[in-house]
N, C-alpha and C. Protein backbone atom coordinates (compact mmCIF):
# COMPACT_ATOMS: atom_id res chain seq x y z
N MET A 1 127.23 137.98 94.87
CA MET A 1 126.92 138.24 95.19
C MET A 1 125.29 137.51 95.21
N VAL A 2 124.62 137.75 94.64
CA VAL A 2 122.79 137.19 94.59
C VAL A 2 123.48 135.88 94.76
N VAL A 3 123.96 134.63 94.99
CA VAL A 3 123.66 133.93 95.49
C VAL A 3 123.76 133.53 96.65
N ASP A 4 125.33 134.58 97.01
CA ASP A 4 125.37 134.69 98.55
C ASP A 4 124.27 135.05 99.52
N THR A 5 124.00 135.90 98.86
CA THR A 5 122.86 136.16 99.72
C THR A 5 121.45 135.57 99.76
N GLY A 6 121.25 134.98 98.84
CA GLY A 6 120.53 134.37 98.77
C GLY A 6 120.58 133.30 99.87
N THR A 7 122.03 132.72 99.81
CA THR A 7 122.19 131.57 100.47
C THR A 7 122.11 131.95 101.90
N ALA A 8 122.68 133.53 102.52
CA ALA A 8 122.59 133.82 103.61
C ALA A 8 120.48 133.08 104.05
N ILE A 9 119.86 133.99 102.76
CA ILE A 9 118.75 134.33 103.86
C ILE A 9 118.25 132.65 103.84
N LEU A 10 119.00 131.97 103.19
CA LEU A 10 118.36 130.19 103.27
C LEU A 10 118.55 129.67 104.65
N ILE A 11 120.52 130.15 104.57
CA ILE A 11 120.15 129.99 106.22
C ILE A 11 118.98 129.95 107.30
N LEU A 12 119.56 131.65 107.59
CA LEU A 12 119.18 132.39 108.69
C LEU A 12 117.30 131.58 108.49
N GLY A 13 116.86 131.95 107.73
CA GLY A 13 115.47 130.72 107.31
C GLY A 13 115.65 129.62 108.09
N ALA A 14 116.53 128.79 107.47
CA ALA A 14 116.92 127.41 108.41
C ALA A 14 116.58 127.89 109.98
N PHE A 15 117.61 128.47 109.90
CA PHE A 15 118.02 128.29 111.50
C PHE A 15 116.46 129.47 112.33
N VAL A 16 115.64 129.51 111.79
CA VAL A 16 114.90 130.70 112.63
C VAL A 16 113.32 129.70 112.86
N LEU A 17 112.93 129.00 111.52
CA LEU A 17 111.81 128.58 111.44
C LEU A 17 111.71 127.45 112.75
N PRO A 18 112.45 126.63 112.73
CA PRO A 18 112.07 125.31 114.13
C PRO A 18 111.49 126.33 115.46
N GLY A 19 112.70 127.47 115.60
CA GLY A 19 111.73 128.37 117.45
C GLY A 19 109.93 128.91 116.78
N PHE A 20 110.04 129.43 115.52
CA PHE A 20 108.47 129.73 115.18
C PHE A 20 107.94 128.83 115.49
N ILE A 21 108.48 127.52 114.56
CA ILE A 21 107.14 126.05 114.91
C ILE A 21 106.90 125.32 116.56
N THR A 22 108.17 125.96 116.90
CA THR A 22 107.77 125.73 119.11
C THR A 22 107.16 126.10 119.01
N LEU A 23 106.46 127.25 118.59
CA LEU A 23 106.05 128.72 119.58
C LEU A 23 104.13 128.19 118.91
N ILE A 24 104.29 127.40 117.30
CA ILE A 24 102.61 127.10 117.36
C ILE A 24 102.48 125.94 118.24
N PHE A 25 103.68 124.93 117.66
CA PHE A 25 103.01 124.36 119.03
C PHE A 25 102.41 124.33 120.47
N ARG A 26 103.26 125.18 121.35
CA ARG A 26 102.77 125.63 122.77
C ARG A 26 101.54 126.58 123.01
N GLU A 27 101.66 127.12 121.26
CA GLU A 27 100.20 128.03 121.71
C GLU A 27 99.03 127.42 121.10
N ARG A 28 98.93 125.84 120.82
CA ARG A 28 98.33 124.95 120.61
C ARG A 28 97.73 124.05 121.34
N LEU A 29 99.31 123.80 122.46
CA LEU A 29 98.79 123.02 123.58
C LEU A 29 98.60 123.56 124.52
N TYR A 30 98.85 124.74 125.39
CA TYR A 30 98.52 125.27 126.58
C TYR A 30 99.08 126.56 126.81
N VAL A 31 100.06 127.21 125.29
CA VAL A 31 100.41 128.61 126.14
C VAL A 31 98.84 130.15 125.19
N VAL A 32 98.32 131.21 125.70
CA VAL A 32 97.89 131.57 125.17
C VAL A 32 98.47 132.56 124.44
N ARG A 33 98.69 132.91 123.17
CA ARG A 33 99.38 134.09 122.76
C ARG A 33 98.90 135.49 123.27
N GLY A 34 99.70 135.91 123.08
CA GLY A 34 99.00 137.67 124.58
C GLY A 34 100.12 138.43 123.42
N GLN A 35 100.13 139.67 123.76
CA GLN A 35 100.01 141.01 123.43
C GLN A 35 101.92 141.19 122.22
N GLU A 36 102.56 140.06 122.19
CA GLU A 36 103.77 140.86 121.96
C GLU A 36 103.60 141.23 120.68
N THR A 37 104.92 142.09 120.67
CA THR A 37 105.36 142.46 119.12
C THR A 37 106.08 141.75 118.83
N PRO A 38 106.29 141.53 117.52
CA PRO A 38 106.82 141.59 116.24
C PRO A 38 108.47 140.58 116.54
N PHE A 39 109.33 141.85 117.51
CA PHE A 39 110.66 141.97 118.03
C PHE A 39 110.65 140.83 118.81
N GLU A 40 109.56 140.90 119.69
CA GLU A 40 109.72 140.23 121.03
C GLU A 40 109.36 138.18 120.32
N ARG A 41 108.23 138.21 119.80
CA ARG A 41 108.16 137.11 118.75
C ARG A 41 109.39 136.33 118.43
N LEU A 42 110.05 137.50 117.94
CA LEU A 42 111.19 136.85 117.42
C LEU A 42 112.28 136.85 118.39
N LEU A 43 112.34 136.94 119.17
CA LEU A 43 112.73 136.66 120.30
C LEU A 43 113.54 135.11 120.35
N SER A 44 111.85 135.09 121.19
CA SER A 44 111.37 134.03 122.08
C SER A 44 111.76 132.81 120.25
N ALA A 45 110.99 132.97 119.01
CA ALA A 45 111.87 132.46 118.24
C ALA A 45 113.48 132.24 118.24
N LEU A 46 113.78 132.59 117.90
CA LEU A 46 115.47 132.71 118.41
C LEU A 46 115.89 131.93 119.06
N PHE A 47 115.10 132.35 120.34
CA PHE A 47 115.52 131.11 121.43
C PHE A 47 115.57 129.55 121.95
N TYR A 48 114.26 129.70 120.94
CA TYR A 48 114.04 128.24 120.87
C TYR A 48 114.75 127.54 119.80
N SER A 49 115.27 128.25 118.63
CA SER A 49 116.27 127.80 117.48
C SER A 49 117.12 127.54 117.78
N ALA A 50 118.20 128.10 118.97
CA ALA A 50 119.10 128.00 119.51
C ALA A 50 118.87 126.45 120.38
N LEU A 51 118.00 127.04 121.10
CA LEU A 51 117.98 124.76 121.82
C LEU A 51 117.98 124.12 120.90
N ILE A 52 117.02 124.33 120.15
CA ILE A 52 116.65 123.43 119.21
C ILE A 52 117.88 122.66 118.41
N TYR A 53 118.73 123.80 117.89
CA TYR A 53 120.21 123.52 117.70
C TYR A 53 120.89 122.81 118.09
N GLY A 54 121.26 123.28 119.45
CA GLY A 54 122.23 123.32 120.35
C GLY A 54 122.02 122.46 120.78
N VAL A 55 120.39 121.53 121.05
CA VAL A 55 120.51 119.54 121.56
C VAL A 55 120.78 119.01 120.29
N LEU A 56 120.91 119.20 119.00
CA LEU A 56 120.92 118.38 117.88
C LEU A 56 122.60 118.34 117.40
N LEU A 57 122.82 119.53 117.96
CA LEU A 57 124.25 119.33 117.71
C LEU A 57 125.37 118.50 118.46
N GLY A 58 124.60 118.54 120.29
CA GLY A 58 125.05 117.75 121.08
C GLY A 58 124.71 115.93 120.67
N ILE A 59 123.70 115.55 120.00
CA ILE A 59 123.32 114.39 119.76
C ILE A 59 124.52 114.08 118.83
N ALA A 60 124.58 115.01 117.60
CA ALA A 60 125.09 114.85 117.10
C ALA A 60 126.75 114.47 117.54
N SER A 61 127.19 115.00 117.86
CA SER A 61 128.73 114.87 118.66
C SER A 61 128.54 113.46 119.32
N HIS A 62 127.50 113.52 120.24
CA HIS A 62 127.49 111.34 121.25
C HIS A 62 127.17 110.36 120.17
N CYS A 63 126.78 110.77 118.81
CA CYS A 63 126.64 109.98 118.21
C CYS A 63 128.39 109.59 116.52
N GLY A 64 128.58 110.50 117.14
CA GLY A 64 130.32 111.19 116.65
C GLY A 64 130.46 111.67 115.06
N LEU A 65 129.74 112.35 114.75
CA LEU A 65 129.17 113.42 113.55
C LEU A 65 130.44 113.97 113.89
N ASP A 66 130.92 115.16 112.97
CA ASP A 66 132.05 115.86 113.01
C ASP A 66 131.90 117.25 111.82
N LYS A 67 133.17 118.27 112.21
CA LYS A 67 131.80 119.27 110.73
C LYS A 67 132.11 118.37 109.85
N ALA A 68 133.38 117.86 108.99
CA ALA A 68 133.33 117.00 107.39
C ALA A 68 131.21 116.71 107.63
N ASP A 69 130.71 115.98 108.46
CA ASP A 69 129.06 115.96 107.75
C ASP A 69 128.16 116.97 107.91
N LEU A 70 128.81 118.27 108.55
CA LEU A 70 128.21 119.07 108.58
C LEU A 70 128.26 120.05 107.10
N VAL A 71 129.07 119.69 106.97
CA VAL A 71 129.67 120.52 105.45
C VAL A 71 129.13 119.62 104.29
N GLU A 72 129.22 118.62 104.19
CA GLU A 72 128.89 117.59 103.76
C GLU A 72 126.55 117.99 103.98
N PHE A 73 126.16 117.77 104.87
CA PHE A 73 124.69 118.64 104.63
C PHE A 73 124.80 119.47 103.75
N HIS A 74 125.21 121.26 104.27
CA HIS A 74 125.34 121.69 103.27
C HIS A 74 124.97 122.37 101.96
N ASN A 75 126.19 121.27 101.65
CA ASN A 75 126.48 120.98 100.19
C ASN A 75 125.64 119.83 99.04
N GLY A 76 124.65 119.21 100.06
CA GLY A 76 123.78 118.41 99.43
C GLY A 76 124.12 117.28 99.17
N GLU A 77 125.19 116.69 99.62
CA GLU A 77 126.62 115.57 99.26
C GLU A 77 125.82 114.54 100.22
N LYS A 78 124.97 114.09 101.50
CA LYS A 78 123.92 113.26 101.60
C LYS A 78 123.23 112.78 101.09
N SER A 79 122.41 111.65 101.59
CA SER A 79 121.32 110.88 101.00
C SER A 79 120.21 111.49 100.69
N LEU A 80 119.39 111.28 100.11
CA LEU A 80 117.88 111.57 101.09
C LEU A 80 117.61 111.87 101.60
N GLY A 81 117.42 110.47 102.03
CA GLY A 81 116.26 109.97 103.65
C GLY A 81 117.08 110.62 104.54
N GLU A 82 118.50 110.96 104.58
CA GLU A 82 119.71 111.69 105.62
C GLU A 82 119.04 113.16 105.60
N ASP A 83 119.26 113.40 104.77
CA ASP A 83 118.72 114.72 104.10
C ASP A 83 116.75 114.61 105.66
N LEU A 84 115.93 114.11 104.91
CA LEU A 84 114.63 114.30 104.65
C LEU A 84 114.76 114.07 107.05
N LEU A 85 115.25 113.09 108.21
CA LEU A 85 115.68 112.67 109.10
C LEU A 85 115.83 113.56 110.14
N VAL A 86 116.83 114.67 109.61
CA VAL A 86 117.36 115.63 109.91
C VAL A 86 116.82 116.11 109.71
N ALA A 87 116.10 117.22 108.75
CA ALA A 87 114.59 118.08 108.72
C ALA A 87 113.35 117.69 109.46
N PHE A 88 113.03 115.57 109.49
CA PHE A 88 112.11 115.68 110.50
C PHE A 88 112.32 116.13 111.75
N VAL A 89 113.33 115.77 112.32
CA VAL A 89 113.77 115.78 113.73
C VAL A 89 113.89 117.35 114.19
N VAL A 90 114.63 117.92 113.08
CA VAL A 90 115.09 119.52 113.78
C VAL A 90 113.25 120.76 113.15
N PHE A 91 112.46 120.87 111.83
CA PHE A 91 111.63 120.86 112.14
C PHE A 91 110.17 120.36 112.78
N LEU A 92 110.17 119.20 113.17
CA LEU A 92 109.19 118.28 113.35
C LEU A 92 108.77 117.78 114.84
N PHE A 93 109.92 116.89 115.17
CA PHE A 93 110.14 116.05 116.73
C PHE A 93 111.07 117.07 117.69
N LEU A 94 112.12 117.66 117.25
CA LEU A 94 112.18 118.25 118.95
C LEU A 94 111.54 119.34 118.64
N PRO A 95 111.01 120.23 118.17
CA PRO A 95 109.48 121.33 118.18
C PRO A 95 108.35 120.86 119.05
N ALA A 96 107.82 119.60 118.34
CA ALA A 96 106.92 119.22 119.77
C ALA A 96 107.25 118.67 120.54
N LEU A 97 108.65 117.89 120.81
CA LEU A 97 109.37 117.47 122.10
C LEU A 97 109.69 118.71 122.91
N ILE A 98 109.39 119.65 122.81
CA ILE A 98 109.87 121.15 123.70
C ILE A 98 108.67 121.32 124.40
N ALA A 99 107.62 121.57 123.33
CA ALA A 99 106.17 122.09 123.00
C ALA A 99 105.22 121.46 124.37
N VAL A 100 105.36 119.66 124.33
CA VAL A 100 105.21 119.07 125.35
C VAL A 100 105.72 118.59 126.36
N ALA A 101 106.65 118.38 126.87
CA ALA A 101 107.35 119.30 127.96
C ALA A 101 107.20 120.12 128.75
N GLY A 102 106.74 121.53 127.91
CA GLY A 102 106.36 122.59 128.63
C GLY A 102 105.37 122.43 129.05
N SER A 103 104.59 121.30 127.97
CA SER A 103 102.95 121.40 128.91
C SER A 103 103.12 120.65 129.90
N LEU A 104 103.75 119.75 130.09
CA LEU A 104 104.10 119.28 130.96
C LEU A 104 104.44 119.01 132.33
N TRP A 105 105.51 120.50 132.08
CA TRP A 105 105.91 121.35 133.47
C TRP A 105 104.87 122.73 134.38
N MET A 106 103.91 122.93 132.91
CA MET A 106 103.31 123.68 133.34
C MET A 106 102.57 123.31 134.29
N SER A 107 101.87 122.24 133.40
CA SER A 107 100.70 121.12 134.46
C SER A 107 101.16 120.35 135.83
N SER A 108 102.26 119.97 135.83
CA SER A 108 103.01 119.48 137.00
C SER A 108 102.44 119.81 138.43
N LYS A 109 102.05 119.36 139.17
CA LYS A 109 101.98 119.53 140.88
C LYS A 109 102.57 119.36 141.47
N ARG A 110 103.64 118.80 141.68
CA ARG A 110 104.35 118.26 142.24
C ARG A 110 105.67 119.26 142.02
N VAL A 111 106.40 118.90 141.50
CA VAL A 111 107.59 118.80 140.47
C VAL A 111 107.81 120.55 140.03
N ARG A 112 107.28 121.30 139.78
CA ARG A 112 107.56 122.39 138.93
C ARG A 112 106.96 122.85 140.43
N PRO A 113 105.86 123.42 141.74
CA PRO A 113 105.95 123.81 142.70
C PRO A 113 107.05 123.72 143.81
N ARG A 114 107.92 121.97 144.17
CA ARG A 114 108.70 122.03 144.42
C ARG A 114 109.96 122.58 144.12
N LEU A 115 110.36 122.91 143.00
CA LEU A 115 112.17 123.17 142.17
C LEU A 115 111.86 124.85 142.15
N LEU A 116 110.89 125.22 142.04
CA LEU A 116 110.38 126.49 141.91
C LEU A 116 110.60 127.05 143.56
N ARG A 117 109.86 126.77 144.77
CA ARG A 117 110.51 126.89 145.69
C ARG A 117 111.47 127.07 146.12
N LEU A 118 112.52 125.51 146.16
CA LEU A 118 113.57 125.43 146.16
C LEU A 118 114.21 126.51 145.53
N LEU A 119 114.56 126.69 144.40
CA LEU A 119 114.67 128.24 143.35
C LEU A 119 114.49 129.38 144.18
N GLY A 120 113.72 129.78 145.37
CA GLY A 120 112.92 130.70 145.49
C GLY A 120 112.59 131.91 145.24
N SER A 121 111.56 130.38 143.60
CA SER A 121 110.80 131.61 143.12
C SER A 121 109.34 131.32 143.09
N SER A 122 108.81 131.70 142.38
CA SER A 122 106.96 131.72 142.57
C SER A 122 106.07 131.21 141.48
N GLU A 123 105.32 130.31 141.46
CA GLU A 123 104.44 130.10 140.53
C GLU A 123 103.85 130.90 140.03
N ALA A 124 103.23 132.43 140.86
CA ALA A 124 102.58 133.68 140.60
C ALA A 124 103.60 134.37 138.98
N HIS A 125 104.64 134.21 138.85
CA HIS A 125 105.88 134.49 137.20
C HIS A 125 104.59 134.08 136.46
N SER A 126 104.15 132.77 136.48
CA SER A 126 103.61 132.65 135.19
C SER A 126 102.38 132.71 134.69
N ILE A 127 101.72 133.24 135.57
CA ILE A 127 100.15 133.77 135.91
C ILE A 127 100.01 135.07 135.53
N THR A 128 99.16 135.01 133.88
CA THR A 128 98.81 136.26 133.39
C THR A 128 98.30 137.38 133.19
N SER A 129 96.88 136.59 134.22
CA SER A 129 95.99 138.00 134.71
C SER A 129 95.40 136.85 135.84
N GLY A 130 94.11 137.74 136.94
CA GLY A 130 93.06 137.03 138.00
C GLY A 130 92.23 136.26 137.22
N TRP A 131 91.61 136.62 135.88
CA TRP A 131 90.90 136.47 135.31
C TRP A 131 90.98 134.74 134.55
N ASN A 132 92.21 134.91 134.02
CA ASN A 132 93.13 133.62 133.89
C ASN A 132 92.92 132.34 134.94
N GLU A 133 93.11 132.72 136.15
CA GLU A 133 93.62 131.96 136.69
C GLU A 133 92.33 131.08 137.82
N LEU A 134 91.35 132.07 137.50
CA LEU A 134 90.61 132.57 138.17
C LEU A 134 88.96 130.92 137.27
N PHE A 135 89.60 131.06 135.97
CA PHE A 135 88.40 130.26 135.47
C PHE A 135 89.47 129.04 135.14
N SER A 136 91.43 128.85 135.25
CA SER A 136 92.03 127.59 134.65
C SER A 136 91.88 127.07 136.04
N LYS A 137 91.00 127.34 136.79
CA LYS A 137 90.92 126.49 138.16
C LYS A 137 89.73 125.62 138.61
N GLN A 138 88.92 126.60 137.68
CA GLN A 138 87.08 126.47 138.15
C GLN A 138 87.34 125.08 137.50
N GLY A 139 85.60 124.88 137.94
CA GLY A 139 84.77 123.71 137.75
C GLY A 139 83.32 123.69 138.39
N ALA A 140 82.74 122.72 138.12
CA ALA A 140 81.39 122.98 138.22
C ALA A 140 81.15 124.26 139.41
N SER A 141 80.25 125.56 139.33
CA SER A 141 80.53 126.60 140.62
C SER A 141 79.01 127.28 139.82
N LEU A 142 78.81 127.68 140.93
CA LEU A 142 78.15 129.22 140.80
C LEU A 142 78.03 129.75 140.51
N VAL A 143 78.15 131.29 138.97
CA VAL A 143 78.40 132.60 139.35
C VAL A 143 77.56 133.60 138.97
N ARG A 144 77.91 134.33 139.89
CA ARG A 144 76.79 135.53 140.07
C ARG A 144 77.66 136.97 139.53
N ALA A 145 77.06 137.25 138.77
CA ALA A 145 77.71 138.84 138.22
C ALA A 145 77.32 140.05 138.76
N THR A 146 77.93 141.17 138.93
CA THR A 146 77.22 141.96 139.15
C THR A 146 77.55 143.55 137.86
N LEU A 147 76.32 143.41 137.22
CA LEU A 147 76.36 143.96 136.50
C LEU A 147 76.23 145.55 135.42
N THR A 148 77.01 146.39 134.71
CA THR A 148 77.16 147.85 134.35
C THR A 148 76.24 149.14 134.71
N ASP A 149 74.64 148.08 133.93
CA ASP A 149 73.35 148.69 134.71
C ASP A 149 72.95 148.79 136.09
N GLY A 150 73.64 147.77 137.18
CA GLY A 150 73.19 147.05 137.77
C GLY A 150 72.55 146.26 138.16
N ARG A 151 71.87 145.52 137.48
CA ARG A 151 71.33 144.33 137.20
C ARG A 151 72.61 143.13 137.66
N VAL A 152 71.46 142.19 138.36
CA VAL A 152 72.70 141.07 139.01
C VAL A 152 72.45 139.64 138.70
N VAL A 153 73.26 139.21 138.37
CA VAL A 153 72.54 137.60 137.14
C VAL A 153 73.29 136.57 137.51
N GLY A 154 73.11 135.88 137.73
CA GLY A 154 73.80 134.12 137.34
C GLY A 154 72.97 133.24 137.15
N GLY A 155 74.41 132.01 137.32
CA GLY A 155 73.67 130.93 136.18
C GLY A 155 75.19 129.98 136.49
N PHE A 156 74.97 128.21 136.57
CA PHE A 156 75.76 127.62 136.80
C PHE A 156 76.63 127.18 135.99
N TYR A 157 77.92 127.76 135.86
CA TYR A 157 78.65 126.90 135.02
C TYR A 157 79.80 125.61 135.25
N ASP A 158 79.66 125.61 133.62
CA ASP A 158 79.69 123.90 134.26
C ASP A 158 80.59 123.41 132.97
N GLU A 159 80.71 122.26 132.00
CA GLU A 159 81.51 122.52 131.47
C GLU A 159 81.99 123.18 129.73
N PRO A 160 80.05 123.18 129.41
CA PRO A 160 79.56 123.63 128.29
C PRO A 160 80.67 124.92 128.20
N SER A 161 80.39 125.52 129.91
CA SER A 161 80.19 127.17 129.89
C SER A 161 81.86 127.57 129.36
N LEU A 162 82.18 129.07 129.18
CA LEU A 162 84.00 129.45 128.37
C LEU A 162 83.94 130.69 129.03
N ALA A 163 85.37 130.83 129.10
CA ALA A 163 85.67 132.06 129.67
C ALA A 163 86.89 132.00 128.60
N GLY A 164 86.67 133.30 128.44
CA GLY A 164 87.66 134.03 127.29
C GLY A 164 89.30 134.47 127.64
N TYR A 165 90.37 133.74 127.43
CA TYR A 165 91.25 134.50 128.06
C TYR A 165 91.15 135.97 128.02
N SER A 166 91.94 136.55 128.89
CA SER A 166 92.04 137.93 129.44
C SER A 166 93.10 138.55 127.90
N GLU A 167 94.06 137.72 127.64
CA GLU A 167 95.01 137.98 126.80
C GLU A 167 94.09 138.19 125.01
N GLN A 168 92.50 137.54 124.81
CA GLN A 168 92.10 137.86 123.65
C GLN A 168 90.48 139.15 124.84
N THR A 169 89.86 138.29 124.89
CA THR A 169 89.03 139.11 125.17
C THR A 169 88.63 137.98 126.77
N GLN A 170 87.34 138.91 127.59
CA GLN A 170 87.28 138.46 128.39
C GLN A 170 85.47 138.00 129.20
N ASP A 171 84.67 137.95 127.42
CA ASP A 171 83.27 137.94 127.92
C ASP A 171 83.81 136.35 128.13
N LEU A 172 82.29 136.08 128.83
CA LEU A 172 81.55 134.75 129.99
C LEU A 172 80.26 135.02 129.63
N TYR A 173 80.69 133.20 128.89
CA TYR A 173 79.58 131.97 128.41
C TYR A 173 79.20 131.42 129.14
N ILE A 174 78.19 131.37 130.02
CA ILE A 174 77.10 130.44 131.34
C ILE A 174 75.99 129.63 130.60
N ASN A 175 76.77 128.28 130.45
CA ASN A 175 75.53 127.62 130.04
C ASN A 175 73.94 127.53 130.63
N GLU A 176 74.07 127.77 131.94
CA GLU A 176 72.68 128.27 132.13
C GLU A 176 72.73 128.19 133.33
N ARG A 177 71.30 129.74 133.08
CA ARG A 177 71.14 130.62 133.71
C ARG A 177 70.15 130.27 134.90
N TRP A 178 70.56 130.77 135.88
CA TRP A 178 69.55 130.55 137.47
C TRP A 178 68.78 131.79 137.81
N GLU A 179 67.42 131.51 138.00
CA GLU A 179 66.73 132.02 138.97
C GLU A 179 67.59 133.18 140.13
N LEU A 180 67.37 133.82 140.87
CA LEU A 180 67.57 135.15 141.69
C LEU A 180 66.46 135.68 142.87
N ASP A 181 66.30 134.94 144.30
CA ASP A 181 65.45 135.81 144.79
C ASP A 181 65.74 137.74 145.32
N ASP A 182 65.17 137.78 146.00
CA ASP A 182 65.10 139.23 146.69
C ASP A 182 66.88 139.86 146.87
N ASP A 183 67.01 138.64 147.00
CA ASP A 183 68.83 138.86 147.89
C ASP A 183 69.56 138.59 146.91
N GLY A 184 69.55 138.48 146.12
CA GLY A 184 70.25 137.48 144.88
C GLY A 184 71.15 136.40 145.16
N TRP A 185 70.25 135.98 145.49
CA TRP A 185 71.19 134.84 145.58
C TRP A 185 70.22 133.40 144.67
N PHE A 186 70.71 132.60 144.43
CA PHE A 186 70.39 131.86 143.38
C PHE A 186 69.44 130.55 144.25
N ILE A 187 68.25 130.43 143.32
CA ILE A 187 66.86 129.85 143.68
C ILE A 187 67.17 128.58 142.89
N LYS A 188 66.91 128.08 141.59
CA LYS A 188 66.97 127.52 140.75
C LYS A 188 66.80 127.60 138.78
N PRO A 189 67.33 126.59 138.64
CA PRO A 189 67.51 126.76 136.54
C PRO A 189 65.83 127.99 136.03
N ALA A 190 66.39 128.90 135.70
CA ALA A 190 65.56 128.98 134.71
C ALA A 190 64.78 128.09 133.66
N GLU A 191 63.56 128.31 133.25
CA GLU A 191 62.98 127.45 132.73
C GLU A 191 63.70 127.44 131.48
N ARG A 192 63.52 127.07 130.64
CA ARG A 192 64.16 127.15 129.16
C ARG A 192 65.31 127.71 128.88
N SER A 193 66.12 127.74 130.08
CA SER A 193 67.96 128.48 129.40
C SER A 193 68.88 127.81 129.14
N LEU A 194 68.88 128.22 127.80
CA LEU A 194 69.67 127.83 126.69
C LEU A 194 71.51 128.51 127.40
N GLY A 195 71.80 129.30 127.97
CA GLY A 195 73.14 130.02 128.36
C GLY A 195 72.79 131.30 128.46
N LEU A 196 73.99 131.97 128.92
CA LEU A 196 74.04 133.20 129.73
C LEU A 196 74.92 134.16 128.78
N TRP A 197 75.19 134.80 128.04
CA TRP A 197 76.31 135.77 127.40
C TRP A 197 76.93 137.04 128.59
N LEU A 198 78.02 137.25 128.92
CA LEU A 198 78.54 138.78 129.66
C LEU A 198 79.21 139.10 128.89
N PRO A 199 79.53 140.28 127.99
CA PRO A 199 80.44 140.27 127.83
C PRO A 199 80.69 141.47 128.38
N LYS A 200 82.80 141.22 127.69
CA LYS A 200 83.35 142.12 128.65
C LYS A 200 83.28 143.85 129.74
N GLU A 201 82.32 144.35 128.01
CA GLU A 201 82.18 145.85 128.89
C GLU A 201 81.27 146.30 130.14
N SER A 202 80.26 144.77 130.32
CA SER A 202 79.67 144.77 130.89
C SER A 202 79.63 144.17 131.98
N ILE A 203 80.64 143.98 132.80
CA ILE A 203 80.15 142.80 134.03
C ILE A 203 81.22 143.59 134.68
N VAL A 204 80.83 144.07 135.68
CA VAL A 204 81.57 144.89 137.44
C VAL A 204 82.06 143.85 138.24
N SER A 205 81.76 143.16 138.07
CA SER A 205 82.50 142.19 139.29
C SER A 205 81.57 140.70 139.24
N LEU A 206 82.29 139.42 139.75
CA LEU A 206 82.19 138.38 139.93
C LEU A 206 82.08 137.65 141.02
N GLU A 207 81.16 136.75 141.59
CA GLU A 207 81.56 136.08 142.35
C GLU A 207 81.17 134.25 142.16
N ILE A 208 82.29 134.13 142.96
CA ILE A 208 82.14 132.06 142.66
C ILE A 208 81.90 131.28 144.37
N TYR A 209 80.86 130.42 143.72
CA TYR A 209 80.11 129.98 144.34
C TYR A 209 80.80 128.47 144.39
N ASP A 210 80.84 127.98 145.11
CA ASP A 210 80.91 125.84 145.19
C ASP A 210 79.62 125.64 144.72
N ILE A 211 79.32 124.70 144.08
CA ILE A 211 77.95 124.29 143.56
C ILE A 211 77.55 122.95 144.68
N GLU A 212 78.69 122.69 145.52
CA GLU A 212 78.09 122.09 146.43
C GLU A 212 77.31 122.85 147.67
N ASP A 213 77.82 124.24 148.02
CA ASP A 213 76.54 125.59 148.65
C ASP A 213 75.16 124.96 147.89
N LYS A 214 74.67 123.99 147.91
CA LYS A 214 73.71 124.34 146.89
C LYS A 214 71.57 125.07 147.24
N PRO A 215 71.12 125.97 146.96
CA PRO A 215 69.91 126.43 147.43
C PRO A 215 69.23 125.32 148.14
N ALA A 216 68.53 126.65 149.05
CA ALA A 216 67.93 125.12 150.18
C ALA A 216 66.29 124.97 148.96
N GLU A 217 65.75 125.21 148.05
CA GLU A 217 65.07 124.92 147.00
C GLU A 217 65.65 123.13 146.78
N ASP A 218 66.42 123.30 146.58
CA ASP A 218 67.49 122.09 145.29
C ASP A 218 67.34 120.91 147.01
N GLN A 219 67.84 121.31 147.69
CA GLN A 219 68.55 120.03 148.93
C GLN A 219 66.87 119.72 149.64
N GLU A 220 66.45 120.80 149.43
CA GLU A 220 65.05 120.24 150.42
C GLU A 220 63.94 118.45 148.85
N MET A 221 64.15 119.21 148.13
CA MET A 221 64.15 118.34 146.87
C MET A 221 64.38 116.92 146.96
N GLU A 222 66.09 117.23 147.45
CA GLU A 222 66.72 116.16 146.84
C GLU A 222 66.45 115.09 148.21
N ASP A 223 65.78 115.99 149.35
CA ASP A 223 66.06 114.85 150.88
C ASP A 223 64.16 114.32 151.05
N GLN A 224 63.67 115.24 149.80
CA GLN A 224 62.39 114.57 149.86
C GLN A 224 62.36 113.10 149.20
N ILE A 225 63.03 113.43 147.88
CA ILE A 225 63.51 112.29 146.98
C ILE A 225 63.94 111.52 147.30
N GLU A 226 65.30 111.01 148.05
CA GLU A 226 65.79 110.13 148.91
C GLU A 226 65.01 109.50 150.78
N THR A 227 64.31 110.04 151.54
CA THR A 227 63.28 109.57 151.50
C THR A 227 61.74 108.74 150.96
N SER A 228 61.61 109.37 150.35
CA SER A 228 61.16 108.44 149.21
C SER A 228 60.99 107.16 148.59
């Protein structure tokens, strides 16, 4: 009984493990881990494991393998090289392939939107929050924030800046703080600024402006340089 139970646990672990490895690859590439319960995470792992073994069975059938080969693998009658090859395909290659394919699919600008429209679906189904959607597509820009204490601050949001994912935190780091005029509009970078950090609890609202809409003072300086 002990041997049978141990074998069953080993088989169950071997079935579920590829799914968990796929989840890890996805989270390293493009998925932000949310607030899933352990049961929901287990279901996701089971889904990807079933997908992996389904693909593997299709490949095996195409290559002419049958049940006898499966029994030989189970009984350890195959060579070490064959065991290592199957382990590599099941636990590394296919999980990585699914994760990479998912990343390419999510970043597709043509095929994915067209297919979703054809199916009558929407890209909004994959958007977790307005915060993530805003900063996932944000390039260089001017950001103005209204805080809980009534202050209005702003700065230049560029490559070194960072907006935390809403599933983890919504803290905001702006790499360069700017001075604002009495109307709360951008004047120029603050002297010796090393950045501006805004915790989630202090932010009331955010305004994003195209960096091409430069403050008048900066535009005048550029015009003077060009004319000189």
